[in-house]
């Protein structure tokens, strides 16, 4: 009988890095800490290259009436905790781009846009689930917990389509790994190589 091929584990599923069958009945990590750290290092190196190259103002050759995209460096923005909406009663709550950083790794994890920052983060958000999985994975592997911050760029266009176009430009530029658009670049490091079926 041919062995079953390795299963692709994804950070974004419920407890994705857990083996489906463990001898004592409890789930256990199937990934070495070095695998996660290598994945993070590759992304950090890429994002550092983007910063070191300089954030070029980009414009389209096909649309000369469109102003160039602004150079936004998420690491230069003010940082807030992920539950900022509970404490900052006077936050702007305006349309913005937001950036989710792992400060411990200096890693840009996610980029999003919203018309109301407080409302967006108060409700359901896939990124909140991803962050929970990311945090739990670190702890399960015996690694220090990530230090997550949100940064807001308040000069985003009020027009939704313009803001979404700018968001997509930023996602392509930074290749933030939690954004679905970039999953093909980074894959996931959660491919167990020695699972016993």
C-alpha atoms as a PDB file:
ATOM      1  CA  UNK A   1       0.000   0.000   0.000  1.00  0.00           C
ATOM      2  CA  UNK A   2       1.389   3.396  -0.991  1.00  0.00           C
ATOM      3  CA  UNK A   3       1.981   5.819   1.892  1.00  0.00           C
ATOM      4  CA  UNK A   4      -0.326   8.794   2.062  1.00  0.00           C
ATOM      5  CA  UNK A   5       1.371  12.029   0.890  1.00  0.00           C
ATOM      6  CA  UNK A   6       2.179  14.663   3.529  1.00  0.00           C
ATOM      7  CA  UNK A   7      -0.721  16.940   4.421  1.00  0.00           C
ATOM      8  CA  UNK A   8      -0.354  20.689   3.867  1.00  0.00           C
ATOM      9  CA  UNK A   9      -0.962  22.481   7.148  1.00  0.00           C
ATOM     10  CA  UNK A  10      -2.001  26.098   7.042  1.00  0.00           C
ATOM     11  CA  UNK A  11      -1.665  28.767   9.664  1.00  0.00           C
ATOM     12  CA  UNK A  12      -5.134  30.023   8.874  1.00  0.00           C
ATOM     13  CA  UNK A  13      -7.150  26.901   9.678  1.00  0.00           C
ATOM     14  CA  UNK A  14      -8.168  25.908  13.199  1.00  0.00           C
ATOM     15  CA  UNK A  15      -5.069  24.535  14.929  1.00  0.00           C
ATOM     16  CA  UNK A  16      -3.485  23.736  11.560  1.00  0.00           C
ATOM     17  CA  UNK A  17      -0.113  22.630  12.835  1.00  0.00           C
ATOM     18  CA  UNK A  18      -1.569  19.867  14.967  1.00  0.00           C
ATOM     19  CA  UNK A  19      -1.234  16.245  13.996  1.00  0.00           C
ATOM     20  CA  UNK A  20      -4.593  14.614  13.272  1.00  0.00           C
ATOM     21  CA  UNK A  21      -3.491  11.484  15.185  1.00  0.00           C
ATOM     22  CA  UNK A  22      -1.410  11.572  18.335  1.00  0.00           C
ATOM     23  CA  UNK A  23      -0.750   8.515  20.492  1.00  0.00           C
ATOM     24  CA  UNK A  24      -2.076   9.887  23.793  1.00  0.00           C
ATOM     25  CA  UNK A  25      -5.142  11.382  22.113  1.00  0.00           C
ATOM     26  CA  UNK A  26      -4.132  15.026  22.572  1.00  0.00           C
ATOM     27  CA  UNK A  27      -2.973  17.166  19.674  1.00  0.00           C
ATOM     28  CA  UNK A  28       0.738  17.890  19.495  1.00  0.00           C
ATOM     29  CA  UNK A  29       2.869  20.174  17.353  1.00  0.00           C
ATOM     30  CA  UNK A  30       4.215  18.532  14.225  1.00  0.00           C
ATOM     31  CA  UNK A  31       6.535  21.365  13.282  1.00  0.00           C
ATOM     32  CA  UNK A  32       9.940  22.276  14.630  1.00  0.00           C
ATOM     33  CA  UNK A  33      10.425  25.835  15.908  1.00  0.00           C
ATOM     34  CA  UNK A  34      13.202  26.281  13.337  1.00  0.00           C
ATOM     35  CA  UNK A  35      10.691  25.863  10.509  1.00  0.00           C
ATOM     36  CA  UNK A  36       8.542  28.747  11.755  1.00  0.00           C
ATOM     37  CA  UNK A  37      11.621  30.886  12.409  1.00  0.00           C
ATOM     38  CA  UNK A  38      12.962  30.211   8.913  1.00  0.00           C
ATOM     39  CA  UNK A  39       9.594  31.185   7.405  1.00  0.00           C
ATOM     40  CA  UNK A  40       9.611  34.419   9.401  1.00  0.00           C
ATOM     41  CA  UNK A  41      13.230  35.168   8.458  1.00  0.00           C
ATOM     42  CA  UNK A  42      12.527  34.870   4.727  1.00  0.00           C
ATOM     43  CA  UNK A  43       9.631  37.316   4.974  1.00  0.00           C
ATOM     44  CA  UNK A  44      11.559  39.751   7.184  1.00  0.00           C
ATOM     45  CA  UNK A  45      14.463  39.700   4.701  1.00  0.00           C
ATOM     46  CA  UNK A  46      12.134  40.481   1.798  1.00  0.00           C
ATOM     47  CA  UNK A  47      10.384  43.306   3.647  1.00  0.00           C
ATOM     48  CA  UNK A  48      13.732  44.739   4.766  1.00  0.00           C
ATOM     49  CA  UNK A  49      14.816  44.808   1.112  1.00  0.00           C
ATOM     50  CA  UNK A  50      11.710  46.815   0.253  1.00  0.00           C
ATOM     51  CA  UNK A  51      12.520  49.315   3.009  1.00  0.00           C
ATOM     52  CA  UNK A  52      16.221  49.500   2.117  1.00  0.00           C
ATOM     53  CA  UNK A  53      15.455  50.040  -1.583  1.00  0.00           C
ATOM     54  CA  UNK A  54      13.317  52.959  -0.607  1.00  0.00           C
ATOM     55  CA  UNK A  55       9.609  53.129  -0.977  1.00  0.00           C
ATOM     56  CA  UNK A  56       9.406  54.214  -4.587  1.00  0.00           C
ATOM     57  CA  UNK A  57       6.470  56.324  -5.623  1.00  0.00           C
ATOM     58  CA  UNK A  58       4.723  54.166  -8.196  1.00  0.00           C
ATOM     59  CA  UNK A  59       2.551  55.357 -11.011  1.00  0.00           C
ATOM     60  CA  UNK A  60       0.924  53.599 -13.926  1.00  0.00           C
ATOM     61  CA  UNK A  61       2.185  54.234 -17.433  1.00  0.00           C
ATOM     62  CA  UNK A  62      -1.316  53.555 -18.728  1.00  0.00           C
ATOM     63  CA  UNK A  63      -3.109  56.075 -16.534  1.00  0.00           C
ATOM     64  CA  UNK A  64      -1.237  59.365 -16.468  1.00  0.00           C
ATOM     65  CA  UNK A  65      -4.109  61.098 -14.658  1.00  0.00           C
ATOM     66  CA  UNK A  66      -3.651  58.872 -11.596  1.00  0.00           C
ATOM     67  CA  UNK A  67      -1.297  60.311  -8.996  1.00  0.00           C
ATOM     68  CA  UNK A  68       1.560  58.058  -7.861  1.00  0.00           C
ATOM     69  CA  UNK A  69       0.920  55.806  -4.876  1.00  0.00           C
ATOM     70  CA  UNK A  70       2.244  57.339  -1.667  1.00  0.00           C
ATOM     71  CA  UNK A  71       5.304  55.874   0.008  1.00  0.00           C
ATOM     72  CA  UNK A  72       4.054  54.381   3.284  1.00  0.00           C
ATOM     73  CA  UNK A  73       6.470  52.857   5.771  1.00  0.00           C
ATOM     74  CA  UNK A  74       4.357  50.969   8.340  1.00  0.00           C
ATOM     75  CA  UNK A  75       7.248  50.920  10.821  1.00  0.00           C
ATOM     76  CA  UNK A  76       7.179  54.728  10.961  1.00  0.00           C
ATOM     77  CA  UNK A  77       3.512  54.912  11.986  1.00  0.00           C
ATOM     78  CA  UNK A  78       2.193  55.150  15.545  1.00  0.00           C
ATOM     79  CA  UNK A  79       1.567  51.719  17.053  1.00  0.00           C
ATOM     80  CA  UNK A  80      -1.495  50.521  18.953  1.00  0.00           C
ATOM     81  CA  UNK A  81      -2.417  47.217  20.639  1.00  0.00           C
ATOM     82  CA  UNK A  82      -4.804  44.941  18.685  1.00  0.00           C
ATOM     83  CA  UNK A  83      -7.612  45.757  21.127  1.00  0.00           C
ATOM     84  CA  UNK A  84      -7.070  49.513  20.782  1.00  0.00           C
ATOM     85  CA  UNK A  85     -10.805  50.055  20.177  1.00  0.00           C
ATOM     86  CA  UNK A  86     -11.541  49.156  23.820  1.00  0.00           C
ATOM     87  CA  UNK A  87      -9.320  51.857  25.263  1.00  0.00           C
ATOM     88  CA  UNK A  88      -9.084  54.707  22.784  1.00  0.00           C
ATOM     89  CA  UNK A  89     -12.408  56.459  22.966  1.00  0.00           C
ATOM     90  CA  UNK A  90     -11.101  59.439  21.047  1.00  0.00           C
ATOM     91  CA  UNK A  91      -9.418  57.566  18.203  1.00  0.00           C
ATOM     92  CA  UNK A  92     -10.164  58.916  14.793  1.00  0.00           C
ATOM     93  CA  UNK A  93     -12.233  55.950  13.647  1.00  0.00           C
ATOM     94  CA  UNK A  94     -11.827  57.246  10.107  1.00  0.00           C
ATOM     95  CA  UNK A  95     -11.151  55.596   6.790  1.00  0.00           C
ATOM     96  CA  UNK A  96      -7.599  54.304   6.786  1.00  0.00           C
ATOM     97  CA  UNK A  97      -5.150  51.649   5.773  1.00  0.00           C
ATOM     98  CA  UNK A  98      -4.012  49.533   8.689  1.00  0.00           C
ATOM     99  CA  UNK A  99      -0.922  47.403   9.125  1.00  0.00           C
ATOM    100  CA  UNK A 100      -0.489  44.517  11.566  1.00  0.00           C
ATOM    101  CA  UNK A 101       3.096  44.111  12.769  1.00  0.00           C
ATOM    102  CA  UNK A 102       4.877  41.487  14.825  1.00  0.00           C
ATOM    103  CA  UNK A 103       7.196  43.888  16.635  1.00  0.00           C
ATOM    104  CA  UNK A 104       9.340  41.066  18.057  1.00  0.00           C
ATOM    105  CA  UNK A 105      10.234  39.921  14.525  1.00  0.00           C
ATOM    106  CA  UNK A 106       9.835  43.317  12.798  1.00  0.00           C
ATOM    107  CA  UNK A 107       7.499  41.473  10.468  1.00  0.00           C
ATOM    108  CA  UNK A 108       4.552  43.024   8.632  1.00  0.00           C
ATOM    109  CA  UNK A 109       1.861  40.341   8.833  1.00  0.00           C
ATOM    110  CA  UNK A 110      -1.275  41.895   7.351  1.00  0.00           C
ATOM    111  CA  UNK A 111      -2.524  44.959   5.497  1.00  0.00           C
ATOM    112  CA  UNK A 112      -6.149  46.047   5.343  1.00  0.00           C
ATOM    113  CA  UNK A 113      -8.398  48.998   4.654  1.00  0.00           C
ATOM    114  CA  UNK A 114     -11.550  50.199   6.299  1.00  0.00           C
ATOM    115  CA  UNK A 115     -13.921  53.111   6.342  1.00  0.00           C
ATOM    116  CA  UNK A 116     -14.199  52.982  10.181  1.00  0.00           C
ATOM    117  CA  UNK A 117     -11.146  51.689  12.043  1.00  0.00           C
ATOM    118  CA  UNK A 118     -12.779  51.116  15.439  1.00  0.00           C
ATOM    119  CA  UNK A 119     -15.822  49.368  13.981  1.00  0.00           C
ATOM    120  CA  UNK A 120     -13.674  47.124  11.765  1.00  0.00           C
ATOM    121  CA  UNK A 121     -11.591  45.802  14.652  1.00  0.00           C
ATOM    122  CA  UNK A 122     -14.462  45.585  17.122  1.00  0.00           C
ATOM    123  CA  UNK A 123     -16.272  43.013  14.958  1.00  0.00           C
ATOM    124  CA  UNK A 124     -15.291  39.724  13.358  1.00  0.00           C
ATOM    125  CA  UNK A 125     -12.123  39.811  11.336  1.00  0.00           C
ATOM    126  CA  UNK A 126     -10.173  36.946   9.755  1.00  0.00           C
ATOM    127  CA  UNK A 127      -6.939  38.635  10.796  1.00  0.00           C
ATOM    128  CA  UNK A 128      -7.931  38.320  14.470  1.00  0.00           C
ATOM    129  CA  UNK A 129      -8.224  34.560  13.999  1.00  0.00           C
ATOM    130  CA  UNK A 130      -4.884  34.434  12.165  1.00  0.00           C
ATOM    131  CA  UNK A 131      -3.242  36.348  14.999  1.00  0.00           C
ATOM    132  CA  UNK A 132      -4.699  33.963  17.573  1.00  0.00           C
ATOM    133  CA  UNK A 133      -3.353  30.980  15.603  1.00  0.00           C
ATOM    134  CA  UNK A 134       0.042  32.670  15.193  1.00  0.00           C
ATOM    135  CA  UNK A 135       0.258  33.437  18.915  1.00  0.00           C
ATOM    136  CA  UNK A 136      -0.834  29.936  19.952  1.00  0.00           C
ATOM    137  CA  UNK A 137       1.628  28.345  17.542  1.00  0.00           C
ATOM    138  CA  UNK A 138       4.537  30.264  19.083  1.00  0.00           C
ATOM    139  CA  UNK A 139       3.568  29.163  22.562  1.00  0.00           C
ATOM    140  CA  UNK A 140       3.010  25.537  21.540  1.00  0.00           C
ATOM    141  CA  UNK A 141       6.513  25.471  20.047  1.00  0.00           C
ATOM    142  CA  UNK A 142       8.077  26.994  23.175  1.00  0.00           C
ATOM    143  CA  UNK A 143       8.891  30.271  21.398  1.00  0.00           C
ATOM    144  CA  UNK A 144       8.347  33.737  22.878  1.00  0.00           C
ATOM    145  CA  UNK A 145       4.891  35.092  22.103  1.00  0.00           C
ATOM    146  CA  UNK A 146       4.770  37.606  19.267  1.00  0.00           C
ATOM    147  CA  UNK A 147       4.235  41.247  20.174  1.00  0.00           C
ATOM    148  CA  UNK A 148       1.510  42.434  17.828  1.00  0.00           C
ATOM    149  CA  UNK A 149       0.806  46.086  17.044  1.00  0.00           C
ATOM    150  CA  UNK A 150      -1.584  47.828  14.691  1.00  0.00           C
ATOM    151  CA  UNK A 151      -0.535  50.925  12.773  1.00  0.00           C
ATOM    152  CA  UNK A 152      -2.922  53.240  10.967  1.00  0.00           C
ATOM    153  CA  UNK A 153      -2.308  55.448   7.957  1.00  0.00           C
ATOM    154  CA  UNK A 154      -4.989  58.121   8.228  1.00  0.00           C
ATOM    155  CA  UNK A 155      -4.349  59.798   4.872  1.00  0.00           C
ATOM    156  CA  UNK A 156      -6.105  57.027   2.950  1.00  0.00           C
ATOM    157  CA  UNK A 157      -8.657  58.171   0.351  1.00  0.00           C
ATOM    158  CA  UNK A 158     -12.253  58.427   1.501  1.00  0.00           C
ATOM    159  CA  UNK A 159     -13.338  56.911  -1.817  1.00  0.00           C
ATOM    160  CA  UNK A 160     -13.642  53.148  -1.274  1.00  0.00           C
ATOM    161  CA  UNK A 161     -12.315  52.058  -4.674  1.00  0.00           C
ATOM    162  CA  UNK A 162      -9.307  54.343  -4.434  1.00  0.00           C
ATOM    163  CA  UNK A 163      -8.591  53.125  -0.897  1.00  0.00           C
ATOM    164  CA  UNK A 164      -8.915  49.475  -1.953  1.00  0.00           C
ATOM    165  CA  UNK A 165      -6.581  50.052  -4.915  1.00  0.00           C
ATOM    166  CA  UNK A 166      -4.016  51.562  -2.552  1.00  0.00           C
ATOM    167  CA  UNK A 167      -4.460  48.625  -0.172  1.00  0.00           C
ATOM    168  CA  UNK A 168      -3.763  46.174  -3.019  1.00  0.00           C
ATOM    169  CA  UNK A 169      -0.669  48.135  -4.043  1.00  0.00           C
ATOM    170  CA  UNK A 170       0.632  47.926  -0.462  1.00  0.00           C
ATOM    171  CA  UNK A 171      -0.157  44.195  -0.215  1.00  0.00           C
ATOM    172  CA  UNK A 172       1.778  43.532  -3.438  1.00  0.00           C
ATOM    173  CA  UNK A 173       4.675  45.716  -2.358  1.00  0.00           C
ATOM    174  CA  UNK A 174       5.166  44.291   1.147  1.00  0.00           C
ATOM    175  CA  UNK A 175       3.947  40.720   0.487  1.00  0.00           C
ATOM    176  CA  UNK A 176       2.322  40.534   3.912  1.00  0.00           C
ATOM    177  CA  UNK A 177       1.923  36.793   4.614  1.00  0.00           C
ATOM    178  CA  UNK A 178      -1.539  36.867   6.236  1.00  0.00           C
ATOM    179  CA  UNK A 179      -3.090  38.501   3.158  1.00  0.00           C
ATOM    180  CA  UNK A 180      -4.507  35.802   0.868  1.00  0.00           C
ATOM    181  CA  UNK A 181      -3.004  37.544  -2.149  1.00  0.00           C
ATOM    182  CA  UNK A 182       0.454  36.564  -0.869  1.00  0.00           C
ATOM    183  CA  UNK A 183      -0.114  32.994   0.216  1.00  0.00           C
ATOM    184  CA  UNK A 184       1.402  31.764  -3.069  1.00  0.00           C
ATOM    185  CA  UNK A 185       4.632  33.676  -2.282  1.00  0.00           C
ATOM    186  CA  UNK A 186       5.190  32.323   1.210  1.00  0.00           C
ATOM    187  CA  UNK A 187       3.190  29.099   1.235  1.00  0.00           C
ATOM    188  CA  UNK A 188       2.981  27.898   4.790  1.00  0.00           C
ATOM    189  CA  UNK A 189       5.724  26.233   6.771  1.00  0.00           C
ATOM    190  CA  UNK A 190       3.335  23.657   8.135  1.00  0.00           C
ATOM    191  CA  UNK A 191       4.073  20.629   5.996  1.00  0.00           C
ATOM    192  CA  UNK A 192       4.840  17.746   8.314  1.00  0.00           C
ATOM    193  CA  UNK A 193       7.432  15.494   6.787  1.00  0.00           C
ATOM    194  CA  UNK A 194       7.318  12.552   9.178  1.00  0.00           C
ATOM    195  CA  UNK A 195       3.665  12.002   9.993  1.00  0.00           C
ATOM    196  CA  UNK A 196       2.727   8.400  10.683  1.00  0.00           C
ATOM    197  CA  UNK A 197      -0.625   7.527   9.118  1.00  0.00           C
END
